[in-house]
């Protein structure tokens, strides 16, 4: 079984930083960056769990839900991953998104 702890830790850290961020930072793009990440993580999980199925896009639930959305999507992907390479890519996606979000 693949140890996906690096992904869940990265996602949880980003989510914690978003929850602690001021509203102004969320409005300046941090929340949009998090939603984009959540959608990408969800897309990857869906591809692994249901290959060939039509993609169901994660809705925009508002800037204050962004932290929860990346947490759910990241943990779902962690459960679906079976490959070290895919894990490394997912961790890099989270770390890059957090840098772009500035939190």
N, C-alpha and C. Protein backbone atom coordinates (compact mmCIF):
# COMPACT_ATOMS: atom_id res chain seq x y z
N UNK A 1 0.84 -1.18 0.00
CA UNK A 1 0.00 0.00 0.00
C UNK A 1 0.89 1.24 0.00
N UNK A 2 0.51 2.22 -0.79
CA UNK A 2 1.27 3.44 -0.96
C UNK A 2 1.07 4.36 0.24
N UNK A 3 2.17 4.88 0.78
CA UNK A 3 2.10 5.84 1.89
C UNK A 3 1.88 7.23 1.30
N UNK A 4 0.67 7.74 1.43
CA UNK A 4 0.31 9.04 0.86
C UNK A 4 0.37 10.17 1.88
N UNK A 5 1.05 9.93 2.98
CA UNK A 5 1.19 10.94 4.02
C UNK A 5 1.74 12.26 3.50
N UNK A 6 2.74 12.25 2.60
CA UNK A 6 3.23 13.54 2.11
C UNK A 6 2.14 14.39 1.44
N UNK A 7 1.23 13.75 0.74
CA UNK A 7 0.14 14.49 0.09
C UNK A 7 -0.84 15.02 1.12
N UNK A 8 -1.27 14.18 2.04
CA UNK A 8 -2.25 14.65 3.02
C UNK A 8 -1.66 15.74 3.91
N UNK A 9 -0.40 15.64 4.24
CA UNK A 9 0.25 16.70 5.04
C UNK A 9 0.31 18.01 4.27
N UNK A 10 0.68 17.94 2.99
CA UNK A 10 0.77 19.15 2.17
C UNK A 10 -0.59 19.80 2.02
N UNK A 11 -1.61 19.00 1.77
CA UNK A 11 -2.97 19.52 1.62
C UNK A 11 -3.45 20.14 2.93
N UNK A 12 -3.25 19.44 4.02
CA UNK A 12 -3.69 19.94 5.32
C UNK A 12 -2.98 21.24 5.69
N UNK A 13 -1.68 21.32 5.37
CA UNK A 13 -0.92 22.54 5.66
C UNK A 13 -1.47 23.72 4.86
N UNK A 14 -1.70 23.50 3.57
CA UNK A 14 -2.25 24.56 2.72
C UNK A 14 -3.62 24.98 3.24
N UNK A 15 -4.44 24.02 3.58
CA UNK A 15 -5.79 24.34 4.09
C UNK A 15 -5.70 25.14 5.39
N UNK A 16 -4.80 24.77 6.28
CA UNK A 16 -4.63 25.51 7.53
C UNK A 16 -4.20 26.95 7.26
N UNK A 17 -3.30 27.12 6.30
CA UNK A 17 -2.83 28.48 5.96
C UNK A 17 -3.97 29.31 5.36
N UNK A 18 -4.82 28.68 4.56
CA UNK A 18 -5.97 29.39 4.00
C UNK A 18 -6.94 29.81 5.10
N UNK A 19 -7.18 28.92 6.05
CA UNK A 19 -8.11 29.24 7.14
C UNK A 19 -7.60 30.40 7.99
N UNK A 20 -6.28 30.53 8.08
CA UNK A 20 -5.68 31.59 8.89
C UNK A 20 -5.49 32.89 8.10
N UNK A 21 -5.67 32.84 6.81
CA UNK A 21 -5.44 34.00 5.97
C UNK A 21 -6.55 35.03 6.14
N UNK A 22 -6.19 36.30 6.03
CA UNK A 22 -7.22 37.34 6.09
C UNK A 22 -8.11 37.30 4.84
N UNK A 23 -9.30 37.80 4.99
CA UNK A 23 -10.25 37.82 3.88
C UNK A 23 -9.65 38.53 2.67
N UNK A 24 -8.91 39.59 2.89
CA UNK A 24 -8.33 40.33 1.77
C UNK A 24 -7.39 39.45 0.94
N UNK A 25 -6.63 38.58 1.58
CA UNK A 25 -5.73 37.69 0.85
C UNK A 25 -6.54 36.67 0.04
N UNK A 26 -7.61 36.16 0.65
CA UNK A 26 -8.48 35.22 -0.08
C UNK A 26 -9.06 35.90 -1.32
N UNK A 27 -9.48 37.14 -1.16
CA UNK A 27 -10.08 37.87 -2.26
C UNK A 27 -9.07 38.21 -3.35
N UNK A 28 -7.82 38.36 -2.98
CA UNK A 28 -6.78 38.71 -3.96
C UNK A 28 -6.29 37.51 -4.75
N UNK A 29 -6.88 36.38 -4.57
CA UNK A 29 -6.54 35.25 -5.42
C UNK A 29 -6.23 33.95 -4.72
N UNK A 30 -6.01 33.97 -3.42
CA UNK A 30 -5.67 32.72 -2.72
C UNK A 30 -6.81 31.71 -2.81
N UNK A 31 -8.04 32.19 -2.66
CA UNK A 31 -9.19 31.28 -2.72
C UNK A 31 -9.37 30.72 -4.14
N UNK A 32 -9.17 31.56 -5.14
CA UNK A 32 -9.29 31.10 -6.53
C UNK A 32 -8.20 30.06 -6.84
N UNK A 33 -7.01 30.29 -6.33
CA UNK A 33 -5.92 29.32 -6.53
C UNK A 33 -6.26 28.00 -5.86
N UNK A 34 -6.82 28.06 -4.66
CA UNK A 34 -7.21 26.85 -3.94
C UNK A 34 -8.32 26.10 -4.67
N UNK A 35 -9.29 26.82 -5.19
CA UNK A 35 -10.36 26.17 -5.94
C UNK A 35 -9.81 25.49 -7.19
N UNK A 36 -8.90 26.15 -7.88
CA UNK A 36 -8.29 25.53 -9.05
C UNK A 36 -7.55 24.25 -8.68
N UNK A 37 -6.84 24.28 -7.56
CA UNK A 37 -6.15 23.09 -7.09
C UNK A 37 -7.15 21.99 -6.72
N UNK A 38 -8.19 22.35 -5.99
CA UNK A 38 -9.20 21.36 -5.59
C UNK A 38 -9.81 20.69 -6.82
N UNK A 39 -10.10 21.48 -7.83
CA UNK A 39 -10.68 20.92 -9.06
C UNK A 39 -9.70 19.97 -9.74
N UNK A 40 -8.42 20.33 -9.76
CA UNK A 40 -7.43 19.47 -10.40
C UNK A 40 -7.24 18.17 -9.61
N UNK A 41 -7.17 18.27 -8.30
CA UNK A 41 -7.02 17.07 -7.48
C UNK A 41 -8.24 16.16 -7.63
N UNK A 42 -9.43 16.76 -7.66
CA UNK A 42 -10.66 15.98 -7.84
C UNK A 42 -10.68 15.31 -9.21
N UNK A 43 -10.24 16.03 -10.23
CA UNK A 43 -10.19 15.46 -11.59
C UNK A 43 -9.27 14.25 -11.62
N UNK A 44 -8.11 14.37 -11.00
CA UNK A 44 -7.16 13.26 -10.98
C UNK A 44 -7.73 12.05 -10.22
N UNK A 45 -8.40 12.32 -9.10
CA UNK A 45 -9.01 11.22 -8.34
C UNK A 45 -10.10 10.54 -9.16
N UNK A 46 -10.92 11.33 -9.84
CA UNK A 46 -11.98 10.76 -10.65
C UNK A 46 -11.41 9.90 -11.78
N UNK A 47 -10.32 10.35 -12.41
CA UNK A 47 -9.71 9.57 -13.48
C UNK A 47 -9.20 8.22 -12.97
N UNK A 48 -8.67 8.21 -11.77
CA UNK A 48 -8.16 6.96 -11.21
C UNK A 48 -9.29 6.03 -10.77
N UNK A 49 -10.34 6.61 -10.20
CA UNK A 49 -11.44 5.81 -9.67
C UNK A 49 -12.43 5.36 -10.74
N UNK A 50 -12.64 6.20 -11.75
CA UNK A 50 -13.62 5.92 -12.79
C UNK A 50 -13.05 6.28 -14.16
N UNK A 51 -12.07 5.52 -14.64
CA UNK A 51 -11.48 5.84 -15.95
C UNK A 51 -12.54 5.91 -17.04
N UNK A 52 -12.45 6.94 -17.83
CA UNK A 52 -13.38 7.09 -18.95
C UNK A 52 -14.71 7.74 -18.60
N UNK A 53 -14.98 7.92 -17.32
CA UNK A 53 -16.25 8.56 -16.92
C UNK A 53 -16.18 10.06 -17.20
N UNK A 54 -17.34 10.65 -17.37
CA UNK A 54 -17.40 12.09 -17.59
C UNK A 54 -16.98 12.82 -16.31
N UNK A 55 -16.15 13.84 -16.48
CA UNK A 55 -15.64 14.62 -15.35
C UNK A 55 -16.77 15.44 -14.71
N UNK A 56 -16.83 15.37 -13.40
CA UNK A 56 -17.77 16.18 -12.63
C UNK A 56 -16.97 17.26 -11.92
N UNK A 57 -17.14 18.51 -12.35
CA UNK A 57 -16.35 19.61 -11.80
C UNK A 57 -16.82 20.00 -10.40
N UNK A 58 -15.86 20.19 -9.53
CA UNK A 58 -16.17 20.65 -8.18
C UNK A 58 -16.72 22.08 -8.28
N UNK A 59 -17.85 22.35 -7.64
CA UNK A 59 -18.44 23.69 -7.74
C UNK A 59 -17.67 24.72 -6.92
N UNK A 60 -17.87 25.97 -7.26
CA UNK A 60 -17.30 27.07 -6.48
C UNK A 60 -18.24 27.32 -5.31
N UNK A 61 -17.82 26.94 -4.12
CA UNK A 61 -18.65 27.09 -2.92
C UNK A 61 -18.32 28.37 -2.16
N UNK A 62 -17.51 29.23 -2.75
CA UNK A 62 -17.16 30.49 -2.11
C UNK A 62 -15.79 30.45 -1.47
N UNK A 63 -15.24 31.63 -1.27
CA UNK A 63 -13.86 31.71 -0.81
C UNK A 63 -13.63 31.11 0.57
N UNK A 64 -14.63 31.10 1.41
CA UNK A 64 -14.44 30.56 2.76
C UNK A 64 -14.52 29.03 2.79
N UNK A 65 -14.92 28.43 1.69
CA UNK A 65 -14.98 26.96 1.61
C UNK A 65 -13.76 26.38 0.90
N UNK A 66 -12.89 27.23 0.38
CA UNK A 66 -11.75 26.75 -0.41
C UNK A 66 -10.85 25.79 0.37
N UNK A 67 -10.60 26.08 1.62
CA UNK A 67 -9.75 25.20 2.43
C UNK A 67 -10.38 23.82 2.58
N UNK A 68 -11.66 23.79 2.80
CA UNK A 68 -12.34 22.50 2.93
C UNK A 68 -12.34 21.75 1.60
N UNK A 69 -12.48 22.49 0.51
CA UNK A 69 -12.51 21.84 -0.80
C UNK A 69 -11.17 21.20 -1.15
N UNK A 70 -10.06 21.87 -0.85
CA UNK A 70 -8.78 21.22 -1.15
C UNK A 70 -8.53 20.04 -0.21
N UNK A 71 -9.02 20.15 1.01
CA UNK A 71 -8.86 19.04 1.95
C UNK A 71 -9.60 17.80 1.46
N UNK A 72 -10.84 17.96 1.08
CA UNK A 72 -11.64 16.83 0.60
C UNK A 72 -11.03 16.24 -0.68
N UNK A 73 -10.73 17.11 -1.64
CA UNK A 73 -10.18 16.62 -2.91
C UNK A 73 -8.82 15.97 -2.71
N UNK A 74 -7.98 16.55 -1.88
CA UNK A 74 -6.66 15.98 -1.64
C UNK A 74 -6.70 14.64 -0.95
N UNK A 75 -7.57 14.52 0.04
CA UNK A 75 -7.69 13.24 0.75
C UNK A 75 -8.33 12.18 -0.14
N UNK A 76 -9.27 12.58 -0.99
CA UNK A 76 -9.86 11.63 -1.95
C UNK A 76 -8.78 11.11 -2.91
N UNK A 77 -7.95 12.02 -3.41
CA UNK A 77 -6.89 11.61 -4.31
C UNK A 77 -5.90 10.69 -3.59
N UNK A 78 -5.58 11.02 -2.36
CA UNK A 78 -4.64 10.18 -1.60
C UNK A 78 -5.15 8.75 -1.49
N UNK A 79 -6.44 8.58 -1.33
CA UNK A 79 -7.02 7.24 -1.24
C UNK A 79 -6.97 6.50 -2.58
N UNK A 80 -6.99 7.23 -3.67
CA UNK A 80 -7.04 6.61 -4.99
C UNK A 80 -5.65 6.32 -5.57
N UNK A 81 -4.63 7.00 -5.08
CA UNK A 81 -3.29 6.85 -5.65
C UNK A 81 -2.69 5.47 -5.40
N UNK A 82 -1.98 4.99 -6.40
CA UNK A 82 -1.29 3.70 -6.28
C UNK A 82 0.15 3.77 -6.78
N UNK A 83 0.56 4.92 -7.27
CA UNK A 83 1.85 5.06 -7.92
C UNK A 83 2.67 6.19 -7.28
N UNK A 84 3.94 5.91 -7.00
CA UNK A 84 4.84 6.91 -6.39
C UNK A 84 4.98 8.15 -7.26
N UNK A 85 5.05 7.95 -8.56
CA UNK A 85 5.19 9.09 -9.47
C UNK A 85 3.98 10.02 -9.42
N UNK A 86 2.79 9.42 -9.41
CA UNK A 86 1.56 10.23 -9.31
C UNK A 86 1.51 10.96 -7.98
N UNK A 87 1.98 10.31 -6.92
CA UNK A 87 2.03 10.94 -5.60
C UNK A 87 2.95 12.15 -5.62
N UNK A 88 4.13 12.00 -6.19
CA UNK A 88 5.09 13.10 -6.25
C UNK A 88 4.52 14.28 -7.04
N UNK A 89 3.84 13.99 -8.14
CA UNK A 89 3.23 15.06 -8.94
C UNK A 89 2.15 15.78 -8.14
N UNK A 90 1.33 15.03 -7.42
CA UNK A 90 0.25 15.64 -6.63
C UNK A 90 0.82 16.53 -5.52
N UNK A 91 1.86 16.07 -4.85
CA UNK A 91 2.48 16.89 -3.79
C UNK A 91 3.04 18.18 -4.40
N UNK A 92 3.69 18.06 -5.55
CA UNK A 92 4.23 19.25 -6.23
C UNK A 92 3.12 20.22 -6.62
N UNK A 93 2.00 19.70 -7.09
CA UNK A 93 0.86 20.57 -7.44
C UNK A 93 0.39 21.38 -6.24
N UNK A 94 0.30 20.72 -5.09
CA UNK A 94 -0.15 21.40 -3.87
C UNK A 94 0.86 22.46 -3.45
N UNK A 95 2.13 22.11 -3.44
CA UNK A 95 3.16 23.06 -3.01
C UNK A 95 3.23 24.27 -3.95
N UNK A 96 3.12 24.04 -5.25
CA UNK A 96 3.15 25.13 -6.22
C UNK A 96 1.93 26.04 -6.07
N UNK A 97 0.76 25.44 -5.86
CA UNK A 97 -0.46 26.24 -5.69
C UNK A 97 -0.37 27.09 -4.42
N UNK A 98 0.18 26.52 -3.37
CA UNK A 98 0.31 27.28 -2.12
C UNK A 98 1.24 28.48 -2.32
N UNK A 99 2.32 28.29 -3.05
CA UNK A 99 3.23 29.41 -3.33
C UNK A 99 2.52 30.49 -4.13
N UNK A 100 1.79 30.09 -5.17
CA UNK A 100 1.06 31.07 -5.98
C UNK A 100 0.00 31.79 -5.16
N UNK A 101 -0.59 31.08 -4.21
CA UNK A 101 -1.64 31.69 -3.37
C UNK A 101 -1.06 32.68 -2.37
N UNK A 102 0.21 32.53 -2.07
CA UNK A 102 0.86 33.46 -1.15
C UNK A 102 0.47 33.28 0.30
N UNK A 103 0.16 32.05 0.68
CA UNK A 103 -0.19 31.80 2.08
C UNK A 103 0.75 30.78 2.70
